[in-house]
Amino acid sequence: GGDIRHVDFHAISMDQMIEAEVPLEPVGTAVGVKTYGGLLEQSLRALAIECLPGDLPDRITVDVSQLKIGDAIHVREIQLPRGVTPKVQVDLTAFSVVAPVVEEEPVA
C-alpha cells in the first residue's frame, strides 16, 4: 500500500555559506537617460553571490541615477549588503548608459 518507508529532509545550516542568484534592480533615473535621451542597459539581470542564509537578500538595488552617457556600474561598485560576496568577476558590467541611436536622414 501507501506506506511511507523513507523520507529525506535537507536542512540548511544557518552558519554555512550558501550560493544564490539574486535579482539586480536599478533604482532612479540615470542623468544620461533623463537629460540626454540615452538608454539604460542592464547587462546583468541577477548577481551570483555567497553569504550565510540569514544574510540572503531577496534582491539587490543599484542606484543608477548618477550615470551619464558612456558611464557604467561594475560589480565591484555595487553596494552589497553586509556579509554578501559576489561570486562573479568584479569587473563585469552590470549597468551602462549608451547614447541614443539617431536615425540619419538620407541626403538628397
N, C-alpha and C. Protein backbone atom coordinates (compact mmCIF):
# COMPACT_ATOMS: atom_id res chain seq x y z
N GLY A 1 0.75 -1.19 0.00
CA GLY A 1 0.00 0.00 0.00
C GLY A 1 0.80 1.27 0.00
N GLY A 2 0.19 2.26 0.63
CA GLY A 2 0.71 3.62 0.60
C GLY A 2 1.60 3.96 1.77
N ASP A 3 2.29 2.97 2.33
CA ASP A 3 3.17 3.25 3.47
C ASP A 3 4.40 4.02 3.02
N ILE A 4 4.76 5.06 3.79
CA ILE A 4 5.98 5.81 3.52
C ILE A 4 7.11 5.09 4.24
N ARG A 5 8.10 4.70 3.49
CA ARG A 5 9.19 3.93 4.05
C ARG A 5 10.39 4.81 4.43
N HIS A 6 10.61 5.91 3.65
CA HIS A 6 11.82 6.69 3.86
C HIS A 6 11.59 8.13 3.42
N VAL A 7 12.02 9.07 4.24
CA VAL A 7 11.91 10.49 3.90
C VAL A 7 13.25 11.16 4.18
N ASP A 8 13.72 11.96 3.21
CA ASP A 8 14.95 12.75 3.41
C ASP A 8 14.59 14.21 3.60
N PHE A 9 15.12 14.83 4.63
CA PHE A 9 14.97 16.26 4.82
C PHE A 9 16.34 16.90 4.63
N HIS A 10 16.38 17.95 3.82
CA HIS A 10 17.64 18.67 3.61
C HIS A 10 17.55 19.98 4.38
N ALA A 11 18.25 20.06 5.48
CA ALA A 11 18.23 21.27 6.29
C ALA A 11 19.38 22.18 5.87
N ILE A 12 19.12 23.48 5.91
CA ILE A 12 20.17 24.45 5.63
C ILE A 12 20.76 24.84 6.97
N SER A 13 22.07 24.74 7.06
CA SER A 13 22.75 25.17 8.27
C SER A 13 22.88 26.69 8.24
N MET A 14 22.45 27.36 9.30
CA MET A 14 22.46 28.82 9.33
C MET A 14 23.87 29.40 9.43
N ASP A 15 24.88 28.54 9.72
CA ASP A 15 26.24 29.05 9.80
C ASP A 15 27.12 28.53 8.66
N GLN A 16 26.47 28.04 7.60
CA GLN A 16 27.20 27.55 6.44
C GLN A 16 26.89 28.43 5.24
N MET A 17 27.95 28.85 4.53
CA MET A 17 27.78 29.73 3.37
C MET A 17 26.97 29.02 2.29
N ILE A 18 26.09 29.78 1.65
CA ILE A 18 25.33 29.26 0.52
C ILE A 18 25.59 30.17 -0.68
N GLU A 19 25.36 29.62 -1.88
CA GLU A 19 25.46 30.41 -3.10
C GLU A 19 24.06 30.58 -3.65
N ALA A 20 23.78 31.77 -4.19
CA ALA A 20 22.45 32.04 -4.73
C ALA A 20 22.56 33.09 -5.83
N GLU A 21 21.53 33.15 -6.67
CA GLU A 21 21.42 34.21 -7.67
C GLU A 21 20.35 35.16 -7.18
N VAL A 22 20.69 36.44 -7.10
CA VAL A 22 19.77 37.44 -6.58
C VAL A 22 19.53 38.49 -7.67
N PRO A 23 18.26 38.84 -7.92
CA PRO A 23 17.97 39.84 -8.97
C PRO A 23 18.60 41.20 -8.66
N LEU A 24 19.11 41.86 -9.70
CA LEU A 24 19.62 43.23 -9.60
C LEU A 24 18.51 44.17 -10.07
N GLU A 25 18.25 45.19 -9.28
CA GLU A 25 17.16 46.11 -9.59
C GLU A 25 17.69 47.54 -9.66
N PRO A 26 17.57 48.19 -10.84
CA PRO A 26 18.02 49.58 -10.93
C PRO A 26 17.07 50.51 -10.19
N VAL A 27 17.63 51.51 -9.51
CA VAL A 27 16.83 52.48 -8.78
C VAL A 27 17.19 53.87 -9.28
N GLY A 28 16.18 54.69 -9.54
CA GLY A 28 16.42 56.05 -10.01
C GLY A 28 16.48 56.10 -11.53
N THR A 29 16.49 57.32 -12.05
CA THR A 29 16.61 57.53 -13.49
C THR A 29 17.97 58.15 -13.77
N ALA A 30 18.73 57.50 -14.62
CA ALA A 30 20.09 57.97 -14.93
C ALA A 30 20.05 59.36 -15.57
N VAL A 31 21.00 60.21 -15.19
CA VAL A 31 21.13 61.55 -15.77
C VAL A 31 21.22 61.45 -17.29
N GLY A 32 22.00 60.49 -17.77
CA GLY A 32 22.18 60.32 -19.21
C GLY A 32 20.91 59.95 -19.94
N VAL A 33 19.96 59.36 -19.23
CA VAL A 33 18.67 59.00 -19.81
C VAL A 33 17.73 60.20 -19.74
N LYS A 34 17.63 60.77 -18.54
CA LYS A 34 16.69 61.86 -18.27
C LYS A 34 17.05 63.12 -19.07
N THR A 35 18.33 63.47 -19.05
CA THR A 35 18.77 64.73 -19.64
C THR A 35 19.18 64.61 -21.10
N TYR A 36 19.81 63.50 -21.45
CA TYR A 36 20.40 63.39 -22.79
C TYR A 36 19.74 62.34 -23.68
N GLY A 37 18.70 61.71 -23.20
CA GLY A 37 17.97 60.75 -24.04
C GLY A 37 18.69 59.44 -24.27
N GLY A 38 19.69 59.14 -23.43
CA GLY A 38 20.41 57.87 -23.57
C GLY A 38 19.54 56.70 -23.13
N LEU A 39 20.08 55.51 -23.27
CA LEU A 39 19.35 54.30 -22.89
C LEU A 39 20.11 53.57 -21.78
N LEU A 40 19.38 53.16 -20.74
CA LEU A 40 19.99 52.36 -19.68
C LEU A 40 20.01 50.91 -20.13
N GLU A 41 21.18 50.32 -20.15
CA GLU A 41 21.31 48.90 -20.50
C GLU A 41 21.66 48.13 -19.24
N GLN A 42 20.92 47.05 -19.00
CA GLN A 42 21.20 46.18 -17.86
C GLN A 42 21.83 44.91 -18.39
N SER A 43 23.14 44.77 -18.16
CA SER A 43 23.89 43.62 -18.67
C SER A 43 23.74 42.40 -17.77
N LEU A 44 23.58 42.65 -16.47
CA LEU A 44 23.41 41.56 -15.50
C LEU A 44 22.02 41.66 -14.89
N ARG A 45 21.20 40.67 -15.10
CA ARG A 45 19.85 40.66 -14.52
C ARG A 45 19.87 40.15 -13.08
N ALA A 46 20.83 39.26 -12.81
CA ALA A 46 20.95 38.68 -11.47
C ALA A 46 22.43 38.55 -11.14
N LEU A 47 22.72 38.58 -9.86
CA LEU A 47 24.10 38.50 -9.39
C LEU A 47 24.28 37.22 -8.58
N ALA A 48 25.29 36.43 -8.96
CA ALA A 48 25.62 35.24 -8.18
C ALA A 48 26.39 35.70 -6.94
N ILE A 49 25.90 35.31 -5.78
CA ILE A 49 26.51 35.75 -4.52
C ILE A 49 26.74 34.56 -3.60
N GLU A 50 27.52 34.81 -2.55
CA GLU A 50 27.73 33.83 -1.49
C GLU A 50 27.51 34.55 -0.16
N CYS A 51 26.76 33.90 0.74
CA CYS A 51 26.50 34.51 2.04
C CYS A 51 25.93 33.45 2.98
N LEU A 52 25.74 33.83 4.22
CA LEU A 52 25.04 32.96 5.17
C LEU A 52 23.54 33.07 4.88
N PRO A 53 22.79 32.00 5.12
CA PRO A 53 21.35 32.03 4.83
C PRO A 53 20.62 33.22 5.45
N GLY A 54 21.01 33.62 6.64
CA GLY A 54 20.35 34.75 7.30
C GLY A 54 20.64 36.10 6.66
N ASP A 55 21.71 36.16 5.84
CA ASP A 55 22.09 37.41 5.18
C ASP A 55 21.58 37.49 3.74
N LEU A 56 20.88 36.45 3.28
CA LEU A 56 20.47 36.38 1.87
C LEU A 56 19.42 37.44 1.56
N PRO A 57 19.76 38.42 0.68
CA PRO A 57 18.76 39.44 0.31
C PRO A 57 17.82 38.88 -0.76
N ASP A 58 16.59 39.42 -0.82
CA ASP A 58 15.67 38.96 -1.88
C ASP A 58 15.99 39.64 -3.20
N ARG A 59 16.66 40.80 -3.13
CA ARG A 59 17.14 41.49 -4.33
C ARG A 59 18.22 42.48 -3.92
N ILE A 60 18.96 42.95 -4.90
CA ILE A 60 19.99 43.96 -4.65
C ILE A 60 19.65 45.17 -5.50
N THR A 61 19.45 46.31 -4.85
CA THR A 61 19.12 47.52 -5.59
C THR A 61 20.40 48.29 -5.90
N VAL A 62 20.43 48.88 -7.09
CA VAL A 62 21.60 49.62 -7.55
C VAL A 62 21.14 51.00 -7.99
N ASP A 63 21.71 52.05 -7.36
CA ASP A 63 21.37 53.42 -7.72
C ASP A 63 22.05 53.77 -9.04
N VAL A 64 21.26 54.00 -10.08
CA VAL A 64 21.82 54.32 -11.40
C VAL A 64 21.66 55.80 -11.74
N SER A 65 21.17 56.59 -10.79
CA SER A 65 20.79 57.98 -11.09
C SER A 65 21.97 58.87 -11.52
N GLN A 66 23.20 58.53 -11.12
CA GLN A 66 24.36 59.37 -11.46
C GLN A 66 25.00 59.03 -12.81
N LEU A 67 24.50 58.00 -13.47
CA LEU A 67 25.14 57.57 -14.72
C LEU A 67 24.89 58.54 -15.86
N LYS A 68 25.99 58.96 -16.51
CA LYS A 68 25.87 59.78 -17.72
C LYS A 68 26.11 58.85 -18.91
N ILE A 69 25.90 59.38 -20.11
CA ILE A 69 26.15 58.57 -21.31
C ILE A 69 27.62 58.14 -21.32
N GLY A 70 27.84 56.86 -21.53
CA GLY A 70 29.19 56.32 -21.53
C GLY A 70 29.63 55.78 -20.17
N ASP A 71 28.86 56.07 -19.12
CA ASP A 71 29.19 55.58 -17.78
C ASP A 71 28.69 54.15 -17.60
N ALA A 72 29.30 53.45 -16.67
CA ALA A 72 28.89 52.08 -16.35
C ALA A 72 29.06 51.82 -14.86
N ILE A 73 28.30 50.88 -14.36
CA ILE A 73 28.48 50.40 -12.99
C ILE A 73 28.93 48.95 -13.10
N HIS A 74 30.07 48.66 -12.46
CA HIS A 74 30.61 47.30 -12.47
C HIS A 74 30.25 46.62 -11.15
N VAL A 75 30.38 45.31 -11.13
CA VAL A 75 30.04 44.54 -9.94
C VAL A 75 30.77 45.08 -8.71
N ARG A 76 32.05 45.43 -8.86
CA ARG A 76 32.83 45.90 -7.70
C ARG A 76 32.28 47.19 -7.11
N GLU A 77 31.50 47.96 -7.90
CA GLU A 77 30.97 49.24 -7.44
C GLU A 77 29.58 49.12 -6.82
N ILE A 78 29.01 47.93 -6.84
CA ILE A 78 27.68 47.73 -6.27
C ILE A 78 27.80 47.59 -4.76
N GLN A 79 27.00 48.36 -4.04
CA GLN A 79 26.97 48.27 -2.58
C GLN A 79 26.21 46.99 -2.20
N LEU A 80 26.94 46.00 -1.74
CA LEU A 80 26.31 44.74 -1.34
C LEU A 80 26.00 44.78 0.15
N PRO A 81 24.94 44.10 0.56
CA PRO A 81 24.64 44.03 2.00
C PRO A 81 25.81 43.38 2.75
N ARG A 82 25.91 43.66 4.04
CA ARG A 82 26.97 43.09 4.87
C ARG A 82 26.92 41.57 4.82
N GLY A 83 28.08 40.95 4.67
CA GLY A 83 28.16 39.50 4.67
C GLY A 83 27.92 38.87 3.31
N VAL A 84 27.68 39.69 2.28
CA VAL A 84 27.39 39.17 0.95
C VAL A 84 28.60 39.41 0.04
N THR A 85 29.06 38.34 -0.62
CA THR A 85 30.22 38.40 -1.50
C THR A 85 29.80 38.01 -2.92
N PRO A 86 30.24 38.76 -3.94
CA PRO A 86 29.91 38.36 -5.31
C PRO A 86 30.69 37.12 -5.72
N LYS A 87 30.07 36.25 -6.51
CA LYS A 87 30.72 35.02 -7.00
C LYS A 87 31.03 35.13 -8.49
N VAL A 88 31.05 36.35 -9.01
CA VAL A 88 31.38 36.58 -10.42
C VAL A 88 32.57 37.52 -10.48
N GLN A 89 33.13 37.70 -11.67
CA GLN A 89 34.25 38.64 -11.83
C GLN A 89 33.76 40.04 -11.49
N VAL A 90 34.52 40.75 -10.65
CA VAL A 90 34.08 42.06 -10.18
C VAL A 90 34.18 43.14 -11.25
N ASP A 91 34.86 42.85 -12.38
CA ASP A 91 34.93 43.86 -13.44
C ASP A 91 33.81 43.70 -14.47
N LEU A 92 32.88 42.78 -14.23
CA LEU A 92 31.72 42.65 -15.12
C LEU A 92 30.86 43.90 -15.03
N THR A 93 30.33 44.34 -16.17
CA THR A 93 29.43 45.49 -16.20
C THR A 93 28.02 45.05 -15.85
N ALA A 94 27.41 45.75 -14.89
CA ALA A 94 26.03 45.44 -14.50
C ALA A 94 25.05 46.36 -15.23
N PHE A 95 25.37 47.67 -15.23
CA PHE A 95 24.52 48.67 -15.89
C PHE A 95 25.40 49.64 -16.66
N SER A 96 24.87 50.16 -17.77
CA SER A 96 25.57 51.21 -18.51
C SER A 96 24.54 52.08 -19.21
N VAL A 97 24.96 53.29 -19.54
CA VAL A 97 24.09 54.19 -20.30
C VAL A 97 24.76 54.42 -21.65
N VAL A 98 24.00 54.15 -22.71
CA VAL A 98 24.53 54.30 -24.06
C VAL A 98 23.81 55.46 -24.75
N ALA A 99 24.50 56.04 -25.74
CA ALA A 99 23.92 57.16 -26.49
C ALA A 99 22.71 56.67 -27.28
N PRO A 100 21.73 57.56 -27.46
CA PRO A 100 20.57 57.18 -28.26
C PRO A 100 20.98 56.94 -29.71
N VAL A 101 20.30 56.02 -30.36
CA VAL A 101 20.58 55.75 -31.77
C VAL A 101 19.82 56.80 -32.58
N VAL A 102 20.57 57.58 -33.35
CA VAL A 102 19.94 58.63 -34.15
C VAL A 102 19.84 58.14 -35.59
N GLU A 103 18.62 58.18 -36.11
CA GLU A 103 18.42 57.78 -37.50
C GLU A 103 18.96 58.88 -38.40
N GLU A 104 19.86 58.51 -39.29
CA GLU A 104 20.42 59.50 -40.22
C GLU A 104 19.42 59.75 -41.33
N GLU A 105 19.18 61.03 -41.61
CA GLU A 105 18.31 61.38 -42.74
C GLU A 105 19.14 61.24 -44.02
N PRO A 106 18.62 60.54 -45.02
CA PRO A 106 19.39 60.45 -46.27
C PRO A 106 19.54 61.84 -46.90
N VAL A 107 20.74 62.12 -47.41
CA VAL A 107 21.00 63.42 -48.04
C VAL A 107 20.53 63.35 -49.48
N ALA A 108 19.65 64.29 -49.85
CA ALA A 108 19.07 64.27 -51.21
C ALA A 108 20.05 64.86 -52.21
